[in-house]
Amino acid sequence: MVDFGDTFGVGSFPHAVDADGAIWSGFGVFTQPSWAFVSADGSVEVLLGALGEAGLRDRIEDLLAG
């Protein structure tokens, strides 16, 4: 996990270690890649599969817009 944080410049963000998969399974995720987006109201949207850079950027922009 430390290597990942260093490689992608996200080491300053808090990370949850999900060694047994309990967090992901709580969201209904059993495959990777998968994404869990949490809205400001606390609702969670899970997308299974790859998004690519543009797809991820678009989804983040949608969340930030509100």
PDB file of N, CA and C in Angstrom:
ATOM      1  N   MET A   1       0.827  -1.185   0.000  1.00  0.00           N
ATOM      2  CA  MET A   1       0.000   0.000   0.000  1.00  0.00           C
ATOM      3  C   MET A   1       0.874   1.252   0.000  1.00  0.00           C
ATOM      4  N   VAL A   2       1.975   1.237   0.724  1.00  0.00           N
ATOM      5  CA  VAL A   2       2.872   2.389   0.763  1.00  0.00           C
ATOM      6  C   VAL A   2       3.428   2.664  -0.626  1.00  0.00           C
ATOM      7  N   ASP A   3       3.831   1.605  -1.328  1.00  0.00           N
ATOM      8  CA  ASP A   3       4.360   1.780  -2.688  1.00  0.00           C
ATOM      9  C   ASP A   3       3.313   2.408  -3.604  1.00  0.00           C
ATOM     10  N   PHE A   4       2.072   1.965  -3.491  1.00  0.00           N
ATOM     11  CA  PHE A   4       0.990   2.518  -4.311  1.00  0.00           C
ATOM     12  C   PHE A   4       0.845   4.015  -4.032  1.00  0.00           C
ATOM     13  N   GLY A   5       0.798   4.388  -2.770  1.00  0.00           N
ATOM     14  CA  GLY A   5       0.663   5.795  -2.386  1.00  0.00           C
ATOM     15  C   GLY A   5       1.794   6.644  -2.913  1.00  0.00           C
ATOM     16  N   ASP A   6       3.001   6.132  -2.814  1.00  0.00           N
ATOM     17  CA  ASP A   6       4.164   6.863  -3.317  1.00  0.00           C
ATOM     18  C   ASP A   6       4.138   6.978  -4.848  1.00  0.00           C
ATOM     19  N   THR A   7       3.815   5.885  -5.508  1.00  0.00           N
ATOM     20  CA  THR A   7       3.812   5.854  -6.970  1.00  0.00           C
ATOM     21  C   THR A   7       2.799   6.832  -7.554  1.00  0.00           C
ATOM     22  N   PHE A   8       1.601   6.895  -6.942  1.00  0.00           N
ATOM     23  CA  PHE A   8       0.521   7.697  -7.510  1.00  0.00           C
ATOM     24  C   PHE A   8       0.290   9.019  -6.777  1.00  0.00           C
ATOM     25  N   GLY A   9       1.180   9.351  -5.837  1.00  0.00           N
ATOM     26  CA  GLY A   9       1.099  10.636  -5.163  1.00  0.00           C
ATOM     27  C   GLY A   9      -0.106  10.813  -4.266  1.00  0.00           C
ATOM     28  N   VAL A  10      -0.614   9.716  -3.720  1.00  0.00           N
ATOM     29  CA  VAL A  10      -1.786   9.805  -2.833  1.00  0.00           C
ATOM     30  C   VAL A  10      -1.447   9.357  -1.414  1.00  0.00           C
ATOM     31  N   GLY A  11      -0.166   9.368  -1.082  1.00  0.00           N
ATOM     32  CA  GLY A  11       0.265   8.913   0.231  1.00  0.00           C
ATOM     33  C   GLY A  11      -0.248   9.765   1.375  1.00  0.00           C
ATOM     34  N   SER A  12      -0.613  11.020   1.105  1.00  0.00           N
ATOM     35  CA  SER A  12      -1.100  11.890   2.173  1.00  0.00           C
ATOM     36  C   SER A  12      -2.582  11.672   2.485  1.00  0.00           C
ATOM     37  N   PHE A  13      -3.291  10.921   1.631  1.00  0.00           N
ATOM     38  CA  PHE A  13      -4.702  10.627   1.880  1.00  0.00           C
ATOM     39  C   PHE A  13      -4.822   9.437   2.820  1.00  0.00           C
ATOM     40  N   PRO A  14      -5.839   9.435   3.701  1.00  0.00           N
ATOM     41  CA  PRO A  14      -6.042   8.247   4.538  1.00  0.00           C
ATOM     42  C   PRO A  14      -6.469   7.058   3.670  1.00  0.00           C
ATOM     43  N   HIS A  15      -5.933   5.902   3.981  1.00  0.00           N
ATOM     44  CA  HIS A  15      -6.255   4.680   3.246  1.00  0.00           C
ATOM     45  C   HIS A  15      -6.767   3.624   4.216  1.00  0.00           C
ATOM     46  N   ALA A  16      -7.769   2.900   3.782  1.00  0.00           N
ATOM     47  CA  ALA A  16      -8.284   1.780   4.569  1.00  0.00           C
ATOM     48  C   ALA A  16      -7.696   0.488   4.006  1.00  0.00           C
ATOM     49  N   VAL A  17      -7.159  -0.333   4.861  1.00  0.00           N
ATOM     50  CA  VAL A  17      -6.648  -1.633   4.440  1.00  0.00           C
ATOM     51  C   VAL A  17      -7.807  -2.625   4.532  1.00  0.00           C
ATOM     52  N   ASP A  18      -8.141  -3.228   3.418  1.00  0.00           N
ATOM     53  CA  ASP A  18      -9.264  -4.165   3.340  1.00  0.00           C
ATOM     54  C   ASP A  18      -8.734  -5.560   3.027  1.00  0.00           C
ATOM     55  N   ALA A  19      -7.853  -6.033   3.894  1.00  0.00           N
ATOM     56  CA  ALA A  19      -7.142  -7.293   3.650  1.00  0.00           C
ATOM     57  C   ALA A  19      -8.075  -8.482   3.438  1.00  0.00           C
ATOM     58  N   ASP A  20      -9.214  -8.505   4.141  1.00  0.00           N
ATOM     59  CA  ASP A  20     -10.119  -9.646   3.999  1.00  0.00           C
ATOM     60  C   ASP A  20     -11.280  -9.373   3.038  1.00  0.00           C
ATOM     61  N   GLY A  21     -11.301  -8.189   2.425  1.00  0.00           N
ATOM     62  CA  GLY A  21     -12.339  -7.860   1.449  1.00  0.00           C
ATOM     63  C   GLY A  21     -13.673  -7.455   2.049  1.00  0.00           C
ATOM     64  N   ALA A  22     -13.741  -7.248   3.353  1.00  0.00           N
ATOM     65  CA  ALA A  22     -15.011  -6.939   4.026  1.00  0.00           C
ATOM     66  C   ALA A  22     -15.604  -5.603   3.577  1.00  0.00           C
ATOM     67  N   ILE A  23     -14.748  -4.620   3.359  1.00  0.00           N
ATOM     68  CA  ILE A  23     -15.258  -3.305   2.945  1.00  0.00           C
ATOM     69  C   ILE A  23     -15.888  -3.412   1.557  1.00  0.00           C
ATOM     70  N   TRP A  24     -15.141  -3.972   0.611  1.00  0.00           N
ATOM     71  CA  TRP A  24     -15.679  -4.093  -0.748  1.00  0.00           C
ATOM     72  C   TRP A  24     -16.919  -4.967  -0.788  1.00  0.00           C
ATOM     73  N   SER A  25     -16.915  -6.080  -0.087  1.00  0.00           N
ATOM     74  CA  SER A  25     -18.099  -6.944  -0.128  1.00  0.00           C
ATOM     75  C   SER A  25     -19.307  -6.241   0.478  1.00  0.00           C
ATOM     76  N   GLY A  26     -19.083  -5.333   1.427  1.00  0.00           N
ATOM     77  CA  GLY A  26     -20.173  -4.543   1.980  1.00  0.00           C
ATOM     78  C   GLY A  26     -20.832  -3.654   0.937  1.00  0.00           C
ATOM     79  N   PHE A  27     -20.080  -3.282  -0.093  1.00  0.00           N
ATOM     80  CA  PHE A  27     -20.618  -2.492  -1.202  1.00  0.00           C
ATOM     81  C   PHE A  27     -21.116  -3.381  -2.336  1.00  0.00           C
ATOM     82  N   GLY A  28     -21.011  -4.696  -2.182  1.00  0.00           N
ATOM     83  CA  GLY A  28     -21.446  -5.610  -3.232  1.00  0.00           C
ATOM     84  C   GLY A  28     -20.443  -5.765  -4.350  1.00  0.00           C
ATOM     85  N   VAL A  29     -19.176  -5.487  -4.070  1.00  0.00           N
ATOM     86  CA  VAL A  29     -18.125  -5.575  -5.075  1.00  0.00           C
ATOM     87  C   VAL A  29     -17.331  -6.861  -4.872  1.00  0.00           C
ATOM     88  N   PHE A  30     -17.278  -7.661  -5.938  1.00  0.00           N
ATOM     89  CA  PHE A  30     -16.544  -8.920  -5.857  1.00  0.00           C
ATOM     90  C   PHE A  30     -15.572  -9.081  -7.017  1.00  0.00           C
ATOM     91  N   THR A  31     -15.328  -8.000  -7.739  1.00  0.00           N
ATOM     92  CA  THR A  31     -14.418  -8.035  -8.871  1.00  0.00           C
ATOM     93  C   THR A  31     -13.684  -6.707  -8.969  1.00  0.00           C
ATOM     94  N   GLN A  32     -12.555  -6.717  -9.594  1.00  0.00           N
ATOM     95  CA  GLN A  32     -11.786  -5.497  -9.826  1.00  0.00           C
ATOM     96  C   GLN A  32     -11.525  -5.383 -11.310  1.00  0.00           C
ATOM     97  N   PRO A  33     -11.474  -4.200 -11.862  1.00  0.00           N
ATOM     98  CA  PRO A  33     -11.598  -2.930 -11.170  1.00  0.00           C
ATOM     99  C   PRO A  33     -13.054  -2.618 -10.842  1.00  0.00           C
ATOM    100  N   SER A  34     -13.247  -1.911  -9.773  1.00  0.00           N
ATOM    101  CA  SER A  34     -14.559  -1.427  -9.355  1.00  0.00           C
ATOM    102  C   SER A  34     -14.368  -0.078  -8.682  1.00  0.00           C
ATOM    103  N   TRP A  35     -15.396   0.696  -8.694  1.00  0.00           N
ATOM    104  CA  TRP A  35     -15.349   2.038  -8.122  1.00  0.00           C
ATOM    105  C   TRP A  35     -16.555   2.236  -7.219  1.00  0.00           C
ATOM    106  N   ALA A  36     -16.336   2.845  -6.070  1.00  0.00           N
ATOM    107  CA  ALA A  36     -17.433   3.230  -5.178  1.00  0.00           C
ATOM    108  C   ALA A  36     -17.346   4.737  -4.988  1.00  0.00           C
ATOM    109  N   PHE A  37     -18.363   5.436  -5.449  1.00  0.00           N
ATOM    110  CA  PHE A  37     -18.413   6.890  -5.347  1.00  0.00           C
ATOM    111  C   PHE A  37     -19.407   7.268  -4.268  1.00  0.00           C
ATOM    112  N   VAL A  38     -18.974   8.089  -3.326  1.00  0.00           N
ATOM    113  CA  VAL A  38     -19.827   8.514  -2.228  1.00  0.00           C
ATOM    114  C   VAL A  38     -20.198   9.973  -2.448  1.00  0.00           C
ATOM    115  N   SER A  39     -21.488  10.246  -2.560  1.00  0.00           N
ATOM    116  CA  SER A  39     -21.980  11.605  -2.768  1.00  0.00           C
ATOM    117  C   SER A  39     -21.989  12.368  -1.454  1.00  0.00           C
ATOM    118  N   ALA A  40     -22.153  13.669  -1.548  1.00  0.00           N
ATOM    119  CA  ALA A  40     -22.176  14.525  -0.354  1.00  0.00           C
ATOM    120  C   ALA A  40     -23.281  14.112   0.614  1.00  0.00           C
ATOM    121  N   ASP A  41     -24.373  13.544   0.097  1.00  0.00           N
ATOM    122  CA  ASP A  41     -25.476  13.121   0.966  1.00  0.00           C
ATOM    123  C   ASP A  41     -25.256  11.733   1.571  1.00  0.00           C
ATOM    124  N   GLY A  42     -24.116  11.120   1.246  1.00  0.00           N
ATOM    125  CA  GLY A  42     -23.783   9.809   1.807  1.00  0.00           C
ATOM    126  C   GLY A  42     -24.231   8.634   0.965  1.00  0.00           C
ATOM    127  N   SER A  43     -24.939   8.881  -0.115  1.00  0.00           N
ATOM    128  CA  SER A  43     -25.346   7.772  -0.978  1.00  0.00           C
ATOM    129  C   SER A  43     -24.124   7.231  -1.717  1.00  0.00           C
ATOM    130  N   VAL A  44     -24.152   5.949  -2.010  1.00  0.00           N
ATOM    131  CA  VAL A  44     -23.019   5.280  -2.645  1.00  0.00           C
ATOM    132  C   VAL A  44     -23.454   4.712  -3.987  1.00  0.00           C
ATOM    133  N   GLU A  45     -22.664   4.997  -5.008  1.00  0.00           N
ATOM    134  CA  GLU A  45     -22.875   4.431  -6.335  1.00  0.00           C
ATOM    135  C   GLU A  45     -21.681   3.545  -6.640  1.00  0.00           C
ATOM    136  N   VAL A  46     -21.936   2.283  -6.957  1.00  0.00           N
ATOM    137  CA  VAL A  46     -20.866   1.341  -7.282  1.00  0.00           C
ATOM    138  C   VAL A  46     -20.899   1.056  -8.774  1.00  0.00           C
ATOM    139  N   LEU A  47     -19.749   1.207  -9.409  1.00  0.00           N
ATOM    140  CA  LEU A  47     -19.598   0.884 -10.818  1.00  0.00           C
ATOM    141  C   LEU A  47     -18.582  -0.242 -10.945  1.00  0.00           C
ATOM    142  N   LEU A  48     -18.969  -1.299 -11.611  1.00  0.00           N
ATOM    143  CA  LEU A  48     -18.071  -2.429 -11.827  1.00  0.00           C
ATOM    144  C   LEU A  48     -17.416  -2.280 -13.187  1.00  0.00           C
ATOM    145  N   GLY A  49     -16.122  -2.481 -13.230  1.00  0.00           N
ATOM    146  CA  GLY A  49     -15.393  -2.410 -14.490  1.00  0.00           C
ATOM    147  C   GLY A  49     -14.539  -1.162 -14.591  1.00  0.00           C
ATOM    148  N   ALA A  50     -13.768  -1.112 -15.647  1.00  0.00           N
ATOM    149  CA  ALA A  50     -12.843  -0.011 -15.864  1.00  0.00           C
ATOM    150  C   ALA A  50     -13.584   1.233 -16.349  1.00  0.00           C
ATOM    151  N   LEU A  51     -13.109   2.392 -15.937  1.00  0.00           N
ATOM    152  CA  LEU A  51     -13.669   3.664 -16.391  1.00  0.00           C
ATOM    153  C   LEU A  51     -12.744   4.366 -17.369  1.00  0.00           C
ATOM    154  N   GLY A  52     -11.472   4.172 -17.234  1.00  0.00           N
ATOM    155  CA  GLY A  52     -10.510   4.932 -18.016  1.00  0.00           C
ATOM    156  C   GLY A  52     -10.376   6.327 -17.435  1.00  0.00           C
ATOM    157  N   GLU A  53      -9.350   7.025 -17.865  1.00  0.00           N
ATOM    158  CA  GLU A  53      -9.072   8.345 -17.309  1.00  0.00           C
ATOM    159  C   GLU A  53     -10.220   9.325 -17.552  1.00  0.00           C
ATOM    160  N   ALA A  54     -10.739   9.358 -18.774  1.00  0.00           N
ATOM    161  CA  ALA A  54     -11.814  10.300 -19.096  1.00  0.00           C
ATOM    162  C   ALA A  54     -13.086   9.977 -18.317  1.00  0.00           C
ATOM    163  N   GLY A  55     -13.421   8.703 -18.214  1.00  0.00           N
ATOM    164  CA  GLY A  55     -14.615   8.306 -17.467  1.00  0.00           C
ATOM    165  C   GLY A  55     -14.517   8.650 -16.003  1.00  0.00           C
ATOM    166  N   LEU A  56     -13.355   8.431 -15.417  1.00  0.00           N
ATOM    167  CA  LEU A  56     -13.147   8.760 -14.019  1.00  0.00           C
ATOM    168  C   LEU A  56     -13.220  10.268 -13.811  1.00  0.00           C
ATOM    169  N   ARG A  57     -12.591  11.013 -14.676  1.00  0.00           N
ATOM    170  CA  ARG A  57     -12.631  12.482 -14.583  1.00  0.00           C
ATOM    171  C   ARG A  57     -14.069  12.983 -14.677  1.00  0.00           C
ATOM    172  N   ASP A  58     -14.840  12.457 -15.627  1.00  0.00           N
ATOM    173  CA  ASP A  58     -16.232  12.875 -15.791  1.00  0.00           C
ATOM    174  C   ASP A  58     -17.058  12.566 -14.549  1.00  0.00           C
ATOM    175  N   ARG A  59     -16.853  11.398 -13.971  1.00  0.00           N
ATOM    176  CA  ARG A  59     -17.635  11.001 -12.792  1.00  0.00           C
ATOM    177  C   ARG A  59     -17.291  11.892 -11.611  1.00  0.00           C
ATOM    178  N   ILE A  60     -16.016  12.190 -11.423  1.00  0.00           N
ATOM    179  CA  ILE A  60     -15.587  13.068 -10.327  1.00  0.00           C
ATOM    180  C   ILE A  60     -16.152  14.473 -10.531  1.00  0.00           C
ATOM    181  N   GLU A  61     -16.106  14.978 -11.756  1.00  0.00           N
ATOM    182  CA  GLU A  61     -16.668  16.300 -12.036  1.00  0.00           C
ATOM    183  C   GLU A  61     -18.161  16.332 -11.734  1.00  0.00           C
ATOM    184  N   ASP A  62     -18.881  15.263 -12.076  1.00  0.00           N
ATOM    185  CA  ASP A  62     -20.314  15.186 -11.769  1.00  0.00           C
ATOM    186  C   ASP A  62     -20.554  15.242 -10.262  1.00  0.00           C
ATOM    187  N   LEU A  63     -19.750  14.509  -9.513  1.00  0.00           N
ATOM    188  CA  LEU A  63     -19.893  14.515  -8.049  1.00  0.00           C
ATOM    189  C   LEU A  63     -19.598  15.879  -7.451  1.00  0.00           C
ATOM    190  N   LEU A  64     -18.561  16.529  -7.947  1.00  0.00           N
ATOM    191  CA  LEU A  64     -18.199  17.848  -7.429  1.00  0.00           C
ATOM    192  C   LEU A  64     -19.248  18.907  -7.786  1.00  0.00           C
ATOM    193  N   ALA A  65     -19.930  18.721  -8.910  1.00  0.00           N
ATOM    194  CA  ALA A  65     -20.950  19.679  -9.338  1.00  0.00           C
ATOM    195  C   ALA A  65     -22.210  19.573  -8.490  1.00  0.00           C
ATOM    196  N   GLY A  66     -22.349  18.427  -7.853  1.00  0.00           N
ATOM    197  CA  GLY A  66     -23.402  18.387  -6.956  1.00  0.00           C
ATOM    198  C   GLY A  66     -24.498  17.546  -6.846  1.00  0.00           C
TER     199      GLY A  66
END
